[in-house]
Amino acid sequence: MDFLNFYLPQPLALQVSLHPVPTGTEDDVRTWRFTPNGEFTLRTAYDLTDTTADQNMNQPIWKSVWRTPTLQRIRAFLWLLNHNRLLTNAERGRRHLTTNTDCKICGDGPETTLHVLRDCPYARATWADLLGEEPDSRFFEQDIHRWSLYYISDKSDTIDSTLFAGTCWLLWKNRNGYVFRGELKTHAQIQFHAKQLRDQTIQALEKENAIFGGGGLREQRQIGWQPPAQDWVCVNTDGSVTISPESTSCGGIIRGSDGRFLKAFTANLGGGSITRAELAGIVYGLDLAWEQGARKVELGEEEEYGAEEGRRSKKQRRNPEAEGGGVSAGIGERSKGRRFLKLDGG
């Protein structure tokens, strides 16, 4: 017993000591106690995870999280928030990763999820201007789950769910920026970026509703890369925009008809819109293919507008006829969700 107490906590050592010591001569074997014969099966492992999962997954909070009118990354953040999985100092302390659970920004008490997003003096000052002169009295009183559910469900008259979710996300990003880089934004900066994010998200959702008829009906399908025809190369490009700090970038890859990698590129473009990033990716990709000697190029581009503008831009920048070759350019029909542009400078 003394040996067990030396290596194990006393309650655990007591539990071990209550089990009789085997007297048989057989070797120990591993068994899976969830099957009658002791053998492991994937089916029982899956059933085990299903039965031990959060029994409250059917509560309204989870449907509200994934229906919040905001970016998918912010929905994922809300999911982590409501599962108490954000790695605050309090959570790090619970996992024995630190002995100091205080808030790094204010130094006043343990840094819980609710403290970072609402109760920290810094967060309170940020919310104050967003909520107006007469904030909802329950805003600073509810626990994390009731607080989150109430405001992402658009039940409040003082702040909409998109602005609420975006502000929470930006407060968390700001906390991480201060902890890891020593950068702390002002309240006005967070408020500005939160409102900007809200406005851009609403515009994107309105555009989506206009395209899909307001019902959001979409066809679910598997997508994948399709090789071009023999002697052709395929250029796939994409662009991205970050809001804070504002920057745009693009990248792409060129592959042959056998799927073999030929070339790739990335480029930082500075500020600008997503349209600029997409179009720059198209132009850079076509230029790179041309420099590699490709004269039969297929552009795989999901954005219909981007493909059309890329074709126009490319024709303005290059005139294959002046270099001794004929040119034909055409936009193919929709195929598996993509719009193709083909350039044959033969």
Protein backbone atom coordinates (compact mmCIF):
# COMPACT_ATOMS: atom_id res chain seq x y z
CA MET A 1 0.00 0.00 0.00
CA ASP A 2 2.87 2.35 0.79
CA PHE A 3 4.23 1.70 -2.71
CA LEU A 4 0.89 2.69 -4.27
CA ASN A 5 0.58 5.80 -2.09
CA PHE A 6 4.03 6.90 -3.22
CA TYR A 7 3.11 6.90 -6.92
CA LEU A 8 -0.68 7.46 -6.90
CA PRO A 9 -3.13 9.85 -5.24
CA GLN A 10 -4.57 8.30 -2.10
CA PRO A 11 -8.16 7.80 -3.43
CA LEU A 12 -6.83 6.04 -6.54
CA ALA A 13 -4.39 3.95 -4.52
CA LEU A 14 -7.27 2.86 -2.29
CA GLN A 15 -9.35 1.78 -5.28
CA VAL A 16 -6.44 -0.26 -6.64
CA SER A 17 -5.84 -1.94 -3.29
CA LEU A 18 -9.47 -3.09 -3.11
CA HIS A 19 -9.03 -5.31 -6.18
CA PRO A 20 -7.78 -8.82 -5.33
CA VAL A 21 -4.40 -9.80 -6.72
CA PRO A 22 -4.75 -12.50 -9.43
CA THR A 23 -3.38 -15.89 -8.36
CA GLY A 24 -3.45 -17.57 -11.76
CA THR A 25 -0.40 -18.30 -13.89
CA GLU A 26 -1.80 -16.96 -17.15
CA ASP A 27 -0.29 -13.85 -18.70
CA ASP A 28 -2.27 -10.63 -18.62
CA VAL A 29 -4.15 -9.78 -21.81
CA ARG A 30 -5.89 -6.65 -23.03
CA THR A 31 -9.68 -6.84 -23.21
CA TRP A 32 -12.39 -4.48 -24.42
CA ARG A 33 -15.06 -4.41 -21.76
CA PHE A 34 -17.76 -3.13 -24.10
CA THR A 35 -18.08 -6.43 -26.01
CA PRO A 36 -19.10 -9.83 -24.61
CA ASN A 37 -15.93 -11.55 -25.84
CA GLY A 38 -13.57 -8.73 -24.87
CA GLU A 39 -12.48 -8.02 -28.45
CA PHE A 40 -12.37 -4.46 -29.77
CA THR A 41 -14.75 -3.45 -32.56
CA LEU A 42 -15.16 -0.11 -34.28
CA ARG A 43 -18.91 -0.34 -33.92
CA THR A 44 -18.81 -0.45 -30.13
CA ALA A 45 -16.24 2.36 -30.08
CA TYR A 46 -18.53 4.53 -32.21
CA ASP A 47 -21.55 3.68 -30.03
CA LEU A 48 -19.52 4.60 -26.98
CA THR A 49 -18.63 8.05 -28.33
CA ASP A 50 -22.24 8.56 -29.31
CA THR A 51 -23.63 7.68 -25.88
CA THR A 52 -21.01 9.64 -23.95
CA ALA A 53 -21.37 12.77 -26.09
CA ASP A 54 -22.95 15.92 -24.73
CA GLN A 55 -26.54 14.99 -23.93
CA ASN A 56 -27.63 18.58 -24.49
CA MET A 57 -26.74 18.73 -28.20
CA ASN A 58 -30.43 19.12 -29.07
CA GLN A 59 -30.77 22.27 -27.02
CA PRO A 60 -31.55 25.52 -28.92
CA ILE A 61 -28.05 26.93 -28.41
CA TRP A 62 -26.45 24.54 -30.90
CA LYS A 63 -28.93 25.21 -33.70
CA SER A 64 -28.58 28.93 -33.04
CA VAL A 65 -24.78 28.70 -33.30
CA TRP A 66 -24.82 27.24 -36.79
CA ARG A 67 -27.65 29.50 -37.96
CA THR A 68 -26.01 32.72 -36.83
CA PRO A 69 -25.74 35.06 -39.86
CA THR A 70 -21.98 35.41 -39.80
CA LEU A 71 -18.79 33.87 -41.18
CA GLN A 72 -18.30 30.13 -40.81
CA ARG A 73 -15.09 30.66 -38.83
CA ILE A 74 -17.05 32.77 -36.34
CA ARG A 75 -19.69 30.06 -36.04
CA ALA A 76 -16.92 27.59 -35.23
CA PHE A 77 -15.64 30.07 -32.65
CA LEU A 78 -19.11 30.28 -31.08
CA TRP A 79 -19.24 26.49 -30.93
CA LEU A 80 -15.94 26.41 -29.03
CA LEU A 81 -17.11 29.26 -26.81
CA ASN A 82 -20.24 27.41 -25.73
CA HIS A 83 -18.29 24.23 -25.11
CA ASN A 84 -15.86 26.16 -22.88
CA ARG A 85 -13.02 25.09 -25.15
CA LEU A 86 -11.35 28.46 -25.66
CA LEU A 87 -7.86 28.19 -24.23
CA THR A 88 -8.10 30.97 -21.66
CA ASN A 89 -5.71 31.08 -18.73
CA ALA A 90 -8.41 29.55 -16.51
CA GLU A 91 -8.76 26.65 -18.94
CA ARG A 92 -4.99 26.32 -19.20
CA GLY A 93 -4.85 26.16 -15.42
CA ARG A 94 -7.50 23.44 -15.38
CA ARG A 95 -5.33 21.44 -17.78
CA HIS A 96 -2.24 22.03 -15.59
CA LEU A 97 -0.55 24.06 -18.33
CA THR A 98 0.00 27.11 -16.13
CA THR A 99 -0.15 28.19 -12.50
CA ASN A 100 -1.11 31.78 -13.30
CA THR A 101 -4.76 32.02 -14.35
CA ASP A 102 -5.05 35.82 -14.14
CA CYS A 103 -6.21 37.93 -17.05
CA LYS A 104 -3.18 39.33 -18.92
CA ILE A 105 -5.01 42.51 -19.92
CA CYS A 106 -6.44 43.71 -16.61
CA GLY A 107 -4.73 41.38 -14.12
CA ASP A 108 -7.95 41.26 -12.10
CA GLY A 109 -9.03 37.69 -11.33
CA PRO A 110 -9.02 34.47 -13.34
CA GLU A 111 -9.28 34.75 -17.11
CA THR A 112 -12.40 32.75 -17.94
CA THR A 113 -14.17 32.82 -21.30
CA LEU A 114 -16.84 35.13 -19.94
CA HIS A 115 -14.18 37.41 -18.45
CA VAL A 116 -12.34 37.81 -21.77
CA LEU A 117 -15.47 38.45 -23.80
CA ARG A 118 -17.59 40.48 -21.36
CA ASP A 119 -16.50 41.05 -17.77
CA CYS A 120 -12.95 42.31 -18.26
CA PRO A 121 -12.91 46.14 -17.91
CA TYR A 122 -11.42 46.30 -21.39
CA ALA A 123 -14.27 44.23 -22.87
CA ARG A 124 -16.88 46.18 -20.90
CA ALA A 125 -15.61 49.45 -22.33
CA THR A 126 -15.75 47.98 -25.84
CA TRP A 127 -19.35 46.81 -25.40
CA ALA A 128 -20.46 50.08 -23.79
CA ASP A 129 -20.43 52.12 -27.02
CA LEU A 130 -21.90 49.29 -29.09
CA LEU A 131 -24.83 48.81 -26.72
CA GLY A 132 -25.70 52.52 -26.56
CA GLU A 133 -26.77 54.66 -23.63
CA GLU A 134 -29.45 52.22 -22.43
CA PRO A 135 -27.95 48.73 -22.63
CA ASP A 136 -30.00 45.65 -21.87
CA SER A 137 -29.80 45.08 -18.10
CA ARG A 138 -29.33 41.34 -18.57
CA PHE A 139 -26.24 41.76 -20.76
CA PHE A 140 -23.76 41.71 -17.88
CA GLU A 141 -25.71 39.32 -15.63
CA GLN A 142 -26.26 36.03 -17.49
CA ASP A 143 -24.00 32.97 -17.52
CA ILE A 144 -22.04 32.14 -20.64
CA HIS A 145 -24.64 29.86 -22.27
CA ARG A 146 -27.72 32.02 -21.61
CA TRP A 147 -25.77 35.13 -22.61
CA SER A 148 -24.57 33.61 -25.88
CA LEU A 149 -27.93 32.02 -26.78
CA TYR A 150 -29.92 35.18 -26.11
CA TYR A 151 -27.78 37.46 -28.28
CA ILE A 152 -27.04 35.13 -31.20
CA SER A 153 -30.77 34.38 -31.43
CA ASP A 154 -31.51 38.05 -32.25
CA LYS A 155 -33.74 38.50 -29.19
CA SER A 156 -32.12 41.77 -28.16
CA ASP A 157 -33.23 45.21 -29.35
CA THR A 158 -29.82 46.76 -28.59
CA ILE A 159 -27.45 44.65 -30.71
CA ASP A 160 -27.97 42.26 -33.62
CA SER A 161 -26.58 38.72 -33.67
CA THR A 162 -24.07 39.41 -36.45
CA LEU A 163 -22.51 42.34 -34.61
CA PHE A 164 -22.56 40.44 -31.30
CA ALA A 165 -20.81 37.37 -32.75
CA GLY A 166 -18.25 39.44 -34.64
CA THR A 167 -17.40 41.53 -31.57
CA CYS A 168 -16.88 38.42 -29.43
CA TRP A 169 -14.58 36.98 -32.09
CA LEU A 170 -12.57 40.20 -32.40
CA LEU A 171 -12.22 40.49 -28.62
CA TRP A 172 -10.79 36.97 -28.53
CA LYS A 173 -8.41 37.73 -31.42
CA ASN A 174 -7.37 40.93 -29.67
CA ARG A 175 -6.65 39.01 -26.46
CA ASN A 176 -4.45 36.59 -28.39
CA GLY A 177 -2.66 39.46 -30.11
CA TYR A 178 -1.84 40.99 -26.75
CA VAL A 179 -0.71 37.70 -25.16
CA PHE A 180 1.48 36.54 -28.05
CA ARG A 181 2.61 39.78 -29.71
CA GLY A 182 2.03 42.50 -27.12
CA GLU A 183 -0.46 44.25 -29.45
CA LEU A 184 -3.61 45.72 -27.90
CA LYS A 185 -6.12 47.49 -30.11
CA THR A 186 -8.17 50.41 -28.86
CA HIS A 187 -11.87 50.08 -28.11
CA ALA A 188 -12.64 52.27 -31.13
CA GLN A 189 -10.63 49.99 -33.44
CA ILE A 190 -12.50 46.88 -32.34
CA GLN A 191 -15.85 48.67 -32.62
CA PHE A 192 -14.97 49.88 -36.13
CA HIS A 193 -13.83 46.45 -37.33
CA ALA A 194 -16.87 44.76 -35.75
CA LYS A 195 -19.29 47.10 -37.55
CA GLN A 196 -17.33 46.76 -40.79
CA LEU A 197 -17.44 42.99 -40.49
CA ARG A 198 -21.18 43.12 -39.78
CA ASP A 199 -21.89 45.30 -42.81
CA GLN A 200 -19.76 43.18 -45.17
CA THR A 201 -21.36 39.97 -43.90
CA ILE A 202 -24.88 41.31 -44.36
CA GLN A 203 -24.04 42.45 -47.90
CA ALA A 204 -22.65 39.00 -48.72
CA LEU A 205 -25.73 37.26 -47.29
CA GLU A 206 -28.06 39.55 -49.23
CA LYS A 207 -26.18 38.76 -52.41
CA GLU A 208 -26.35 35.06 -51.63
CA ASN A 209 -30.10 35.27 -51.01
CA ALA A 210 -30.55 37.08 -54.31
CA ILE A 211 -28.67 34.31 -56.14
CA PHE A 212 -30.36 31.40 -54.38
CA GLY A 213 -33.81 32.94 -54.22
CA GLY A 214 -33.82 33.66 -50.51
CA GLY A 215 -34.38 30.02 -49.61
CA GLY A 216 -30.74 29.14 -49.61
CA LEU A 217 -31.44 25.95 -51.54
CA ARG A 218 -28.24 24.43 -52.75
CA GLU A 219 -27.20 21.28 -54.46
CA GLN A 220 -24.84 19.18 -52.36
CA ARG A 221 -22.21 17.38 -54.41
CA GLN A 222 -18.69 16.08 -54.29
CA ILE A 223 -16.16 18.22 -56.11
CA GLY A 224 -12.67 17.48 -57.27
CA TRP A 225 -10.00 18.48 -59.71
CA GLN A 226 -10.52 17.37 -63.31
CA PRO A 227 -7.52 17.00 -65.65
CA PRO A 228 -7.48 18.99 -68.90
CA ALA A 229 -7.36 17.41 -72.35
CA GLN A 230 -4.16 16.00 -73.82
CA ASP A 231 -1.44 18.65 -74.43
CA TRP A 232 -3.32 21.19 -72.32
CA VAL A 233 -2.41 22.56 -68.89
CA CYS A 234 -4.83 23.58 -66.17
CA VAL A 235 -4.35 26.71 -64.06
CA ASN A 236 -6.25 26.79 -60.77
CA THR A 237 -6.16 30.08 -58.85
CA ASP A 238 -7.72 31.61 -55.77
CA GLY A 239 -7.67 34.90 -53.86
CA SER A 240 -8.21 35.81 -50.23
CA VAL A 241 -8.80 38.90 -48.10
CA THR A 242 -8.16 39.44 -44.40
CA ILE A 243 -10.04 42.18 -42.59
CA SER A 244 -7.67 42.92 -39.73
CA PRO A 245 -5.06 43.81 -40.78
CA GLU A 246 -6.48 44.53 -44.20
CA SER A 247 -4.55 42.70 -46.89
CA THR A 248 -5.17 40.67 -50.03
CA SER A 249 -3.25 37.79 -51.55
CA CYS A 250 -3.57 35.26 -54.32
CA GLY A 251 -2.07 31.97 -55.34
CA GLY A 252 -2.37 29.20 -57.86
CA ILE A 253 -1.04 25.95 -59.27
CA ILE A 254 -0.40 24.70 -62.80
CA ARG A 255 -0.78 21.02 -63.66
CA GLY A 256 -0.55 19.01 -66.84
CA SER A 257 -3.07 16.69 -68.44
CA ASP A 258 -1.60 13.79 -66.45
CA GLY A 259 -2.07 15.67 -63.17
CA ARG A 260 1.66 16.30 -62.84
CA PHE A 261 2.67 19.41 -60.86
CA LEU A 262 4.32 22.01 -63.09
CA LYS A 263 4.45 25.34 -61.27
CA ALA A 264 2.85 27.23 -58.38
CA PHE A 265 2.83 30.81 -57.16
CA THR A 266 1.70 33.06 -54.32
CA ALA A 267 1.61 36.85 -54.16
CA ASN A 268 0.86 39.48 -51.53
CA LEU A 269 -1.15 42.30 -53.08
CA GLY A 270 -1.52 44.78 -50.22
CA GLY A 271 -4.96 46.26 -49.69
CA GLY A 272 -7.95 45.77 -51.94
CA SER A 273 -11.11 43.77 -52.49
CA ILE A 274 -11.70 40.05 -53.01
CA THR A 275 -12.46 40.79 -56.67
CA ARG A 276 -9.00 42.30 -57.10
CA ALA A 277 -7.42 39.29 -55.42
CA GLU A 278 -9.31 36.80 -57.63
CA LEU A 279 -8.50 38.69 -60.83
CA ALA A 280 -4.84 39.12 -59.89
CA GLY A 281 -4.61 35.37 -59.31
CA ILE A 282 -6.01 34.71 -62.77
CA VAL A 283 -3.61 37.15 -64.46
CA TYR A 284 -0.56 35.86 -62.55
CA GLY A 285 -1.52 32.27 -63.30
CA LEU A 286 -1.96 32.83 -67.01
CA ASP A 287 1.28 34.84 -67.22
CA LEU A 288 3.19 32.07 -65.45
CA ALA A 289 1.73 29.42 -67.77
CA TRP A 290 2.72 31.53 -70.77
CA GLU A 291 6.26 31.92 -69.45
CA GLN A 292 6.51 28.15 -69.11
CA GLY A 293 5.73 27.76 -72.81
CA ALA A 294 2.11 26.64 -72.42
CA ARG A 295 -0.10 27.75 -75.31
CA LYS A 296 -3.15 25.64 -74.51
CA VAL A 297 -4.38 26.71 -71.13
CA GLU A 298 -7.56 25.82 -69.28
CA LEU A 299 -8.49 28.03 -66.34
CA GLY A 300 -10.45 26.39 -63.58
CA GLU A 301 -12.22 29.17 -61.68
CA GLU A 302 -15.29 28.92 -59.45
CA GLU A 303 -16.15 32.57 -59.74
CA GLU A 304 -18.08 33.25 -62.95
CA TYR A 305 -17.37 36.98 -62.89
CA GLY A 306 -13.69 36.35 -62.18
CA ALA A 307 -13.32 34.00 -65.13
CA GLU A 308 -14.95 36.45 -67.52
CA GLU A 309 -12.84 39.38 -66.33
CA GLY A 310 -9.72 37.23 -66.35
CA ARG A 311 -10.35 36.37 -69.99
CA ARG A 312 -10.71 40.03 -70.90
CA SER A 313 -7.64 41.04 -68.93
CA LYS A 314 -5.58 38.27 -70.46
CA LYS A 315 -6.58 39.17 -73.99
CA GLN A 316 -5.58 42.76 -73.35
CA ARG A 317 -2.19 41.75 -71.95
CA ARG A 318 -1.32 39.09 -74.53
CA ASN A 319 -1.91 38.88 -78.24
CA PRO A 320 -0.76 35.45 -79.43
CA GLU A 321 -1.51 36.37 -83.05
CA ALA A 322 1.33 38.90 -82.91
CA GLU A 323 3.68 36.06 -82.02
CA GLY A 324 2.76 33.89 -84.94
CA GLY A 325 -0.07 31.82 -83.52
CA GLY A 326 -3.82 31.98 -83.84
CA VAL A 327 -5.93 32.32 -80.75
CA SER A 328 -9.36 31.09 -79.78
CA ALA A 329 -10.92 31.90 -76.44
CA GLY A 330 -14.20 30.63 -75.15
CA ILE A 331 -16.11 30.07 -71.96
CA GLY A 332 -17.46 26.56 -71.61
CA GLU A 333 -20.78 25.53 -70.11
CA ARG A 334 -21.04 24.93 -66.38
CA SER A 335 -19.48 21.60 -65.51
CA LYS A 336 -19.63 20.19 -61.99
CA GLY A 337 -19.97 23.61 -60.42
CA ARG A 338 -17.03 25.27 -62.19
CA ARG A 339 -16.76 27.63 -65.13
CA PHE A 340 -13.90 27.05 -67.50
CA LEU A 341 -12.00 29.43 -69.70
CA LYS A 342 -9.84 27.97 -72.45
CA LEU A 343 -7.07 29.78 -74.29
CA ASP A 344 -5.55 28.12 -77.35
CA GLY A 345 -2.60 30.13 -78.63
CA GLY A 346 -1.54 27.16 -80.71
